[in-house]
Amino acid sequence: MLTTLHTTYTDTRAGDLAWCLGSQELPALAVLDLRIGPVDLQLRLLGASHQVVLGAGAARCSETVACLPGRRTPLPARVAERVQGWEYEFAARVETLQPQSFAGRAQELLALVENHPHGLAGVFPGDPTAFTAMLAGGDEREIYWRTWHAYPQEGRLVCTRSSLKARE
């Protein structure tokens, strides 16, 4: 699903992104509800990037990658933790691209996510290469999601991948 986000472009630098596991749900501009294996999963596009909410009720957990007030810690390259009976892993990297390559990569990623049944992408007003995109998948043993946060003014693309694997 591809949507235009009706908001100002809040996170204006790749270096402003922070990661948080277990934060409260933040106001979303677009939401995609999914069920993958035994887990309810909600992909959420925020004005300040993304949030993934897993589970329901007391077993609910969230991953947030966004410009979070008061957080200036750089986005971690890798995190591994146990979360409610699952092994959680997070990894992030930043691609720096020339303007022509950036536009091509943006088109490629938006096309990948746009018609995918487990994909959600939002383009910010004013620049078709300023976007946040998310794609999820998995089965009963592993659930994963990937995200892309585009910063055309810097020529940077922040790429994340996360997974939950059932503990043996």
N, C-alpha and C. Protein backbone atom coordinates (compact mmCIF):
# COMPACT_ATOMS: atom_id res chain seq x y z
N MET A 1 0.85 -1.17 0.00
CA MET A 1 0.00 0.00 0.00
C MET A 1 0.90 1.23 0.00
N LEU A 2 0.63 2.16 -0.89
CA LEU A 2 1.37 3.41 -0.99
C LEU A 2 0.43 4.56 -0.71
N THR A 3 0.85 5.48 0.14
CA THR A 3 0.01 6.61 0.49
C THR A 3 0.85 7.88 0.53
N THR A 4 0.20 9.02 0.37
CA THR A 4 0.85 10.31 0.58
C THR A 4 0.58 10.71 2.01
N LEU A 5 1.63 11.05 2.72
CA LEU A 5 1.50 11.44 4.13
C LEU A 5 1.20 12.93 4.20
N HIS A 6 0.10 13.28 4.81
CA HIS A 6 -0.32 14.68 4.90
C HIS A 6 0.22 15.29 6.19
N THR A 7 1.51 15.62 6.14
CA THR A 7 2.19 16.20 7.29
C THR A 7 3.47 16.85 6.80
N THR A 8 4.08 17.64 7.64
CA THR A 8 5.37 18.20 7.29
C THR A 8 6.44 17.14 7.48
N TYR A 9 7.53 17.29 6.81
CA TYR A 9 8.64 16.35 6.86
C TYR A 9 9.40 16.60 8.15
N THR A 10 9.14 15.79 9.19
CA THR A 10 9.65 16.03 10.54
C THR A 10 11.12 15.66 10.70
N ASP A 11 11.48 14.43 10.35
CA ASP A 11 12.87 14.01 10.56
C ASP A 11 13.68 14.36 9.32
N THR A 12 14.44 15.42 9.43
CA THR A 12 15.11 15.97 8.26
C THR A 12 16.55 15.51 8.09
N ARG A 13 17.05 14.70 9.01
CA ARG A 13 18.40 14.16 8.90
C ARG A 13 18.41 12.70 9.33
N ALA A 14 19.15 11.90 8.61
CA ALA A 14 19.26 10.49 8.97
C ALA A 14 19.81 10.33 10.38
N GLY A 15 20.70 11.23 10.79
CA GLY A 15 21.31 11.15 12.10
C GLY A 15 20.37 11.48 13.25
N ASP A 16 19.15 11.97 12.95
CA ASP A 16 18.17 12.29 13.99
C ASP A 16 17.36 11.08 14.44
N LEU A 17 17.47 9.98 13.70
CA LEU A 17 16.68 8.78 14.05
C LEU A 17 17.22 8.11 15.31
N ALA A 18 16.31 7.65 16.14
CA ALA A 18 16.64 6.89 17.34
C ALA A 18 15.80 5.61 17.33
N TRP A 19 16.27 4.60 18.06
CA TRP A 19 15.57 3.31 18.16
C TRP A 19 15.08 3.13 19.59
N CYS A 20 13.90 2.54 19.73
CA CYS A 20 13.36 2.26 21.05
C CYS A 20 12.51 0.99 20.97
N LEU A 21 12.69 0.11 21.94
CA LEU A 21 11.88 -1.10 22.03
C LEU A 21 10.97 -0.94 23.25
N GLY A 22 9.66 -1.12 23.03
CA GLY A 22 8.72 -1.09 24.13
C GLY A 22 8.11 0.25 24.46
N SER A 23 8.18 1.21 23.57
CA SER A 23 7.56 2.51 23.86
C SER A 23 6.05 2.45 23.62
N GLN A 24 5.37 3.46 24.10
CA GLN A 24 3.92 3.55 23.89
C GLN A 24 3.64 3.80 22.41
N GLU A 25 2.42 3.49 22.00
CA GLU A 25 2.03 3.74 20.62
C GLU A 25 1.95 5.24 20.38
N LEU A 26 2.53 5.66 19.26
CA LEU A 26 2.54 7.06 18.88
C LEU A 26 1.47 7.29 17.80
N PRO A 27 1.00 8.53 17.65
CA PRO A 27 0.00 8.81 16.61
C PRO A 27 0.52 8.42 15.22
N ALA A 28 -0.29 7.69 14.49
CA ALA A 28 0.12 7.19 13.16
C ALA A 28 -0.61 7.94 12.05
N LEU A 29 0.09 8.11 10.93
CA LEU A 29 -0.51 8.73 9.74
C LEU A 29 -1.08 7.67 8.81
N ALA A 30 -0.55 6.45 8.89
CA ALA A 30 -1.06 5.33 8.11
C ALA A 30 -0.74 4.05 8.87
N VAL A 31 -1.66 3.06 8.78
CA VAL A 31 -1.53 1.81 9.54
C VAL A 31 -1.90 0.64 8.64
N LEU A 32 -1.18 -0.46 8.78
CA LEU A 32 -1.52 -1.70 8.10
C LEU A 32 -1.53 -2.80 9.15
N ASP A 33 -2.70 -3.42 9.36
CA ASP A 33 -2.86 -4.52 10.32
C ASP A 33 -2.64 -5.85 9.60
N LEU A 34 -1.80 -6.69 10.18
CA LEU A 34 -1.46 -7.99 9.58
C LEU A 34 -1.52 -9.08 10.64
N ARG A 35 -1.63 -10.30 10.18
CA ARG A 35 -1.44 -11.47 11.05
C ARG A 35 -0.43 -12.35 10.33
N ILE A 36 0.70 -12.58 10.97
CA ILE A 36 1.74 -13.42 10.40
C ILE A 36 2.01 -14.53 11.39
N GLY A 37 1.77 -15.76 10.95
CA GLY A 37 1.88 -16.88 11.87
C GLY A 37 0.92 -16.65 13.02
N PRO A 38 1.40 -16.80 14.26
CA PRO A 38 0.52 -16.65 15.41
C PRO A 38 0.44 -15.22 15.96
N VAL A 39 1.08 -14.26 15.27
CA VAL A 39 1.24 -12.93 15.85
C VAL A 39 0.50 -11.85 15.05
N ASP A 40 -0.23 -11.01 15.78
CA ASP A 40 -0.79 -9.80 15.18
C ASP A 40 0.33 -8.78 15.07
N LEU A 41 0.41 -8.13 13.93
CA LEU A 41 1.48 -7.18 13.65
C LEU A 41 0.85 -5.95 13.04
N GLN A 42 1.24 -4.79 13.51
CA GLN A 42 0.71 -3.55 12.97
C GLN A 42 1.89 -2.69 12.50
N LEU A 43 1.91 -2.38 11.21
CA LEU A 43 2.90 -1.48 10.65
C LEU A 43 2.32 -0.07 10.74
N ARG A 44 3.09 0.87 11.29
CA ARG A 44 2.59 2.23 11.52
C ARG A 44 3.59 3.24 10.96
N LEU A 45 3.12 4.11 10.08
CA LEU A 45 3.93 5.22 9.60
C LEU A 45 3.64 6.43 10.46
N LEU A 46 4.69 7.03 10.98
CA LEU A 46 4.57 8.19 11.85
C LEU A 46 5.04 9.43 11.09
N GLY A 47 4.69 10.58 11.57
CA GLY A 47 5.23 11.81 11.00
C GLY A 47 6.74 11.87 11.18
N ALA A 48 7.24 11.13 12.16
CA ALA A 48 8.67 11.12 12.47
C ALA A 48 9.31 9.77 12.16
N SER A 49 8.73 8.94 11.37
CA SER A 49 9.24 7.69 10.79
C SER A 49 8.35 6.48 11.00
N HIS A 50 8.77 5.42 11.79
CA HIS A 50 7.94 4.22 11.84
C HIS A 50 7.84 3.62 13.24
N GLN A 51 6.80 2.77 13.35
CA GLN A 51 6.60 1.99 14.56
C GLN A 51 5.97 0.66 14.12
N VAL A 52 6.42 -0.43 14.75
CA VAL A 52 5.83 -1.75 14.53
C VAL A 52 5.31 -2.21 15.89
N VAL A 53 4.04 -2.57 15.93
CA VAL A 53 3.42 -3.05 17.17
C VAL A 53 3.10 -4.52 16.98
N LEU A 54 3.54 -5.34 17.93
CA LEU A 54 3.37 -6.78 17.87
C LEU A 54 2.49 -7.26 19.00
N GLY A 55 1.66 -8.26 18.72
CA GLY A 55 0.85 -8.88 19.76
C GLY A 55 -0.38 -8.08 20.12
N ALA A 56 -1.06 -8.54 21.17
CA ALA A 56 -2.29 -7.90 21.61
C ALA A 56 -2.35 -7.91 23.13
N GLY A 57 -3.12 -6.99 23.68
CA GLY A 57 -3.34 -6.94 25.13
C GLY A 57 -2.06 -6.76 25.90
N ALA A 58 -1.91 -7.52 26.99
CA ALA A 58 -0.74 -7.39 27.86
C ALA A 58 0.53 -7.88 27.18
N ALA A 59 0.41 -8.69 26.13
CA ALA A 59 1.57 -9.21 25.43
C ALA A 59 2.03 -8.29 24.30
N ARG A 60 1.53 -7.09 24.28
CA ARG A 60 1.85 -6.13 23.23
C ARG A 60 3.27 -5.59 23.41
N CYS A 61 3.99 -5.42 22.30
CA CYS A 61 5.34 -4.86 22.32
C CYS A 61 5.51 -4.01 21.07
N SER A 62 6.39 -3.00 21.14
CA SER A 62 6.59 -2.16 19.96
C SER A 62 8.06 -1.87 19.70
N GLU A 63 8.36 -1.67 18.43
CA GLU A 63 9.66 -1.16 17.99
C GLU A 63 9.40 0.19 17.35
N THR A 64 10.16 1.18 17.74
CA THR A 64 10.01 2.51 17.16
C THR A 64 11.37 2.97 16.65
N VAL A 65 11.39 3.44 15.42
CA VAL A 65 12.56 4.11 14.84
C VAL A 65 12.03 5.44 14.35
N ALA A 66 12.44 6.51 15.05
CA ALA A 66 11.88 7.81 14.76
C ALA A 66 12.71 8.91 15.40
N CYS A 67 12.39 10.13 15.07
CA CYS A 67 12.94 11.28 15.77
C CYS A 67 12.14 11.39 17.06
N LEU A 68 12.75 10.97 18.16
CA LEU A 68 12.06 10.92 19.44
C LEU A 68 12.55 12.07 20.31
N PRO A 69 11.64 12.87 20.85
CA PRO A 69 12.05 13.99 21.70
C PRO A 69 12.93 13.52 22.85
N GLY A 70 14.02 14.23 23.05
CA GLY A 70 14.92 13.90 24.15
C GLY A 70 15.89 12.78 23.88
N ARG A 71 15.80 12.13 22.73
CA ARG A 71 16.72 11.02 22.42
C ARG A 71 17.70 11.49 21.35
N ARG A 72 18.95 11.47 21.68
CA ARG A 72 20.00 11.87 20.75
C ARG A 72 21.00 10.74 20.54
N THR A 73 20.68 9.55 21.03
CA THR A 73 21.56 8.40 20.86
C THR A 73 21.51 7.97 19.40
N PRO A 74 22.65 7.74 18.78
CA PRO A 74 22.63 7.29 17.39
C PRO A 74 21.88 5.96 17.24
N LEU A 75 21.32 5.75 16.09
CA LEU A 75 20.65 4.49 15.78
C LEU A 75 21.67 3.35 15.91
N PRO A 76 21.37 2.31 16.67
CA PRO A 76 22.36 1.24 16.85
C PRO A 76 22.53 0.43 15.56
N ALA A 77 23.73 -0.07 15.35
CA ALA A 77 23.99 -0.92 14.19
C ALA A 77 23.32 -2.29 14.38
N ARG A 78 23.29 -2.76 15.65
CA ARG A 78 22.69 -4.08 15.91
C ARG A 78 22.23 -4.17 17.36
N VAL A 79 21.10 -4.85 17.56
CA VAL A 79 20.56 -5.11 18.90
C VAL A 79 20.02 -6.53 18.89
N ALA A 80 20.21 -7.26 19.98
CA ALA A 80 19.60 -8.59 20.15
C ALA A 80 19.08 -8.67 21.58
N GLU A 81 17.80 -9.02 21.72
CA GLU A 81 17.16 -9.12 23.04
C GLU A 81 16.12 -10.22 23.03
N ARG A 82 15.72 -10.64 24.22
CA ARG A 82 14.59 -11.56 24.36
C ARG A 82 13.35 -10.74 24.62
N VAL A 83 12.29 -11.05 23.88
CA VAL A 83 11.03 -10.32 24.01
C VAL A 83 9.89 -11.33 24.06
N GLN A 84 9.27 -11.48 25.21
CA GLN A 84 8.08 -12.30 25.40
C GLN A 84 8.15 -13.65 24.70
N GLY A 85 9.18 -14.41 24.99
CA GLY A 85 9.30 -15.76 24.44
C GLY A 85 9.89 -15.81 23.04
N TRP A 86 10.36 -14.70 22.52
CA TRP A 86 10.94 -14.62 21.18
C TRP A 86 12.36 -14.05 21.28
N GLU A 87 13.18 -14.38 20.31
CA GLU A 87 14.49 -13.75 20.16
C GLU A 87 14.31 -12.60 19.15
N TYR A 88 14.55 -11.39 19.60
CA TYR A 88 14.39 -10.19 18.77
C TYR A 88 15.76 -9.72 18.29
N GLU A 89 15.85 -9.39 17.01
CA GLU A 89 17.08 -8.82 16.46
C GLU A 89 16.73 -7.60 15.63
N PHE A 90 17.58 -6.60 15.73
CA PHE A 90 17.44 -5.35 14.97
C PHE A 90 18.80 -5.00 14.39
N ALA A 91 18.81 -4.54 13.15
CA ALA A 91 20.05 -4.07 12.53
C ALA A 91 19.72 -2.86 11.67
N ALA A 92 20.64 -1.91 11.63
CA ALA A 92 20.45 -0.70 10.82
C ALA A 92 21.75 -0.37 10.08
N ARG A 93 21.58 0.19 8.90
CA ARG A 93 22.73 0.69 8.14
C ARG A 93 22.27 1.89 7.33
N VAL A 94 23.22 2.71 6.94
CA VAL A 94 22.92 3.91 6.16
C VAL A 94 23.62 3.80 4.83
N GLU A 95 22.86 3.96 3.73
CA GLU A 95 23.43 4.02 2.39
C GLU A 95 23.53 5.48 2.00
N THR A 96 24.67 5.89 1.44
CA THR A 96 24.83 7.24 0.91
C THR A 96 24.93 7.11 -0.60
N LEU A 97 24.03 7.82 -1.31
CA LEU A 97 23.91 7.67 -2.76
C LEU A 97 23.98 9.03 -3.46
N GLN A 98 24.46 9.02 -4.69
CA GLN A 98 24.44 10.22 -5.52
C GLN A 98 23.00 10.50 -5.95
N PRO A 99 22.65 11.75 -6.29
CA PRO A 99 21.24 12.09 -6.60
C PRO A 99 20.56 11.18 -7.61
N GLN A 100 21.22 10.85 -8.72
CA GLN A 100 20.58 9.98 -9.72
C GLN A 100 20.36 8.57 -9.17
N SER A 101 21.34 8.06 -8.48
CA SER A 101 21.21 6.72 -7.88
C SER A 101 20.14 6.72 -6.81
N PHE A 102 20.07 7.81 -6.05
CA PHE A 102 19.08 7.91 -4.98
C PHE A 102 17.68 7.85 -5.56
N ALA A 103 17.41 8.61 -6.61
CA ALA A 103 16.07 8.62 -7.23
C ALA A 103 15.70 7.23 -7.76
N GLY A 104 16.65 6.55 -8.38
CA GLY A 104 16.40 5.21 -8.89
C GLY A 104 16.12 4.21 -7.78
N ARG A 105 16.91 4.30 -6.72
CA ARG A 105 16.72 3.40 -5.57
C ARG A 105 15.37 3.65 -4.91
N ALA A 106 14.98 4.94 -4.79
CA ALA A 106 13.68 5.29 -4.22
C ALA A 106 12.56 4.68 -5.04
N GLN A 107 12.61 4.81 -6.35
CA GLN A 107 11.58 4.23 -7.23
C GLN A 107 11.51 2.72 -7.06
N GLU A 108 12.66 2.09 -7.01
CA GLU A 108 12.74 0.63 -6.87
C GLU A 108 12.08 0.17 -5.56
N LEU A 109 12.39 0.83 -4.46
CA LEU A 109 11.84 0.44 -3.16
C LEU A 109 10.35 0.70 -3.07
N LEU A 110 9.91 1.85 -3.58
CA LEU A 110 8.47 2.16 -3.54
C LEU A 110 7.69 1.18 -4.39
N ALA A 111 8.23 0.78 -5.55
CA ALA A 111 7.56 -0.21 -6.40
C ALA A 111 7.49 -1.56 -5.70
N LEU A 112 8.55 -1.95 -4.98
CA LEU A 112 8.57 -3.21 -4.24
C LEU A 112 7.47 -3.26 -3.20
N VAL A 113 7.30 -2.18 -2.47
CA VAL A 113 6.37 -2.15 -1.34
C VAL A 113 4.93 -1.85 -1.76
N GLU A 114 4.75 -1.05 -2.79
CA GLU A 114 3.42 -0.54 -3.17
C GLU A 114 2.35 -1.62 -3.31
N ASN A 115 2.62 -2.69 -4.02
CA ASN A 115 1.60 -3.71 -4.27
C ASN A 115 1.80 -4.98 -3.46
N HIS A 116 2.71 -4.94 -2.51
CA HIS A 116 2.95 -6.12 -1.67
C HIS A 116 1.86 -6.19 -0.60
N PRO A 117 1.26 -7.37 -0.36
CA PRO A 117 0.18 -7.47 0.64
C PRO A 117 0.61 -7.15 2.06
N HIS A 118 1.92 -7.22 2.34
CA HIS A 118 2.44 -6.90 3.68
C HIS A 118 3.33 -5.68 3.64
N GLY A 119 3.06 -4.76 2.69
CA GLY A 119 3.88 -3.57 2.54
C GLY A 119 3.11 -2.29 2.77
N LEU A 120 3.78 -1.31 3.34
CA LEU A 120 3.19 0.00 3.60
C LEU A 120 4.27 1.05 3.34
N ALA A 121 3.95 2.03 2.52
CA ALA A 121 4.90 3.11 2.23
C ALA A 121 4.15 4.43 2.22
N GLY A 122 4.82 5.46 2.71
CA GLY A 122 4.25 6.80 2.72
C GLY A 122 5.26 7.78 2.17
N VAL A 123 4.80 8.61 1.22
CA VAL A 123 5.64 9.63 0.61
C VAL A 123 5.29 10.97 1.24
N PHE A 124 6.31 11.72 1.63
CA PHE A 124 6.09 13.02 2.23
C PHE A 124 5.85 14.06 1.14
N PRO A 125 5.02 15.08 1.41
CA PRO A 125 4.71 16.10 0.41
C PRO A 125 5.96 16.86 -0.04
N GLY A 126 5.97 17.21 -1.31
CA GLY A 126 7.03 18.07 -1.83
C GLY A 126 8.18 17.36 -2.49
N ASP A 127 8.39 16.07 -2.22
CA ASP A 127 9.50 15.34 -2.84
C ASP A 127 9.13 13.87 -2.91
N PRO A 128 8.96 13.32 -4.13
CA PRO A 128 8.56 11.92 -4.26
C PRO A 128 9.63 10.93 -3.80
N THR A 129 10.84 11.42 -3.50
CA THR A 129 11.88 10.52 -3.00
C THR A 129 12.06 10.64 -1.49
N ALA A 130 11.21 11.42 -0.83
CA ALA A 130 11.21 11.51 0.65
C ALA A 130 10.10 10.59 1.13
N PHE A 131 10.48 9.45 1.71
CA PHE A 131 9.48 8.45 2.07
C PHE A 131 9.95 7.60 3.23
N THR A 132 8.99 6.88 3.81
CA THR A 132 9.25 5.79 4.74
C THR A 132 8.50 4.59 4.18
N ALA A 133 9.16 3.43 4.10
CA ALA A 133 8.53 2.22 3.57
C ALA A 133 8.81 1.06 4.51
N MET A 134 7.83 0.15 4.59
CA MET A 134 7.92 -1.01 5.48
C MET A 134 7.41 -2.25 4.76
N LEU A 135 8.03 -3.38 5.03
CA LEU A 135 7.62 -4.64 4.42
C LEU A 135 7.80 -5.75 5.45
N ALA A 136 6.77 -6.58 5.65
CA ALA A 136 6.81 -7.64 6.67
C ALA A 136 6.59 -9.01 6.02
N GLY A 137 6.99 -10.05 6.74
CA GLY A 137 6.77 -11.41 6.28
C GLY A 137 7.08 -12.39 7.39
N GLY A 138 7.02 -13.68 7.07
CA GLY A 138 7.38 -14.70 8.04
C GLY A 138 6.39 -15.83 8.13
N ASP A 139 6.51 -16.59 9.23
CA ASP A 139 5.66 -17.75 9.46
C ASP A 139 5.56 -17.98 10.97
N GLU A 140 5.20 -19.19 11.38
CA GLU A 140 5.01 -19.50 12.81
C GLU A 140 6.30 -19.41 13.62
N ARG A 141 7.44 -19.62 12.99
CA ARG A 141 8.73 -19.67 13.70
C ARG A 141 9.49 -18.35 13.66
N GLU A 142 9.25 -17.54 12.64
CA GLU A 142 9.98 -16.28 12.50
C GLU A 142 9.13 -15.23 11.81
N ILE A 143 9.17 -14.02 12.36
CA ILE A 143 8.49 -12.87 11.77
C ILE A 143 9.56 -11.82 11.53
N TYR A 144 9.52 -11.19 10.39
CA TYR A 144 10.53 -10.19 10.10
C TYR A 144 9.89 -8.98 9.42
N TRP A 145 10.59 -7.88 9.50
CA TRP A 145 10.18 -6.68 8.78
C TRP A 145 11.42 -5.87 8.43
N ARG A 146 11.30 -5.17 7.31
CA ARG A 146 12.36 -4.28 6.84
C ARG A 146 11.77 -2.90 6.68
N THR A 147 12.59 -1.89 6.89
CA THR A 147 12.13 -0.52 6.68
C THR A 147 13.20 0.27 5.95
N TRP A 148 12.72 1.32 5.27
CA TRP A 148 13.60 2.24 4.57
C TRP A 148 13.12 3.66 4.85
N HIS A 149 14.04 4.50 5.25
CA HIS A 149 13.75 5.90 5.57
C HIS A 149 14.62 6.75 4.65
N ALA A 150 13.99 7.52 3.76
CA ALA A 150 14.73 8.25 2.73
C ALA A 150 14.93 9.72 3.10
N TYR A 151 16.15 10.18 2.92
CA TYR A 151 16.54 11.57 3.17
C TYR A 151 17.20 12.12 1.92
N PRO A 152 16.39 12.53 0.93
CA PRO A 152 16.95 12.95 -0.36
C PRO A 152 17.87 14.16 -0.26
N GLN A 153 17.61 15.06 0.68
CA GLN A 153 18.44 16.26 0.81
C GLN A 153 19.87 15.92 1.25
N GLU A 154 20.06 14.74 1.86
CA GLU A 154 21.38 14.27 2.26
C GLU A 154 21.90 13.17 1.34
N GLY A 155 21.01 12.63 0.51
CA GLY A 155 21.38 11.48 -0.31
C GLY A 155 21.57 10.24 0.54
N ARG A 156 20.82 10.14 1.65
CA ARG A 156 20.96 9.00 2.56
C ARG A 156 19.68 8.20 2.66
N LEU A 157 19.86 6.90 2.77
CA LEU A 157 18.77 5.96 2.94
C LEU A 157 19.10 5.11 4.16
N VAL A 158 18.27 5.21 5.20
CA VAL A 158 18.46 4.41 6.40
C VAL A 158 17.66 3.12 6.22
N CYS A 159 18.36 1.99 6.27
CA CYS A 159 17.74 0.68 6.06
C CYS A 159 17.79 -0.09 7.38
N THR A 160 16.64 -0.64 7.78
CA THR A 160 16.63 -1.47 8.99
C THR A 160 16.03 -2.83 8.66
N ARG A 161 16.43 -3.81 9.47
CA ARG A 161 15.79 -5.12 9.39
C ARG A 161 15.63 -5.63 10.82
N SER A 162 14.48 -6.20 11.07
CA SER A 162 14.17 -6.71 12.40
C SER A 162 13.54 -8.08 12.26
N SER A 163 13.72 -8.90 13.31
CA SER A 163 13.08 -10.21 13.29
C SER A 163 12.77 -10.67 14.70
N LEU A 164 11.76 -11.52 14.77
CA LEU A 164 11.40 -12.25 15.99
C LEU A 164 11.46 -13.72 15.63
N LYS A 165 12.26 -14.47 16.37
CA LYS A 165 12.36 -15.91 16.15
C LYS A 165 11.89 -16.60 17.41
N ALA A 166 11.09 -17.64 17.23
CA ALA A 166 10.62 -18.43 18.37
C ALA A 166 11.82 -19.08 19.04
N ARG A 167 11.84 -19.03 20.37
CA ARG A 167 12.92 -19.67 21.12
C ARG A 167 12.72 -21.17 21.09
N GLU A 168 13.80 -21.88 20.97
CA GLU A 168 13.76 -23.36 20.92
C GLU A 168 13.37 -23.91 22.27
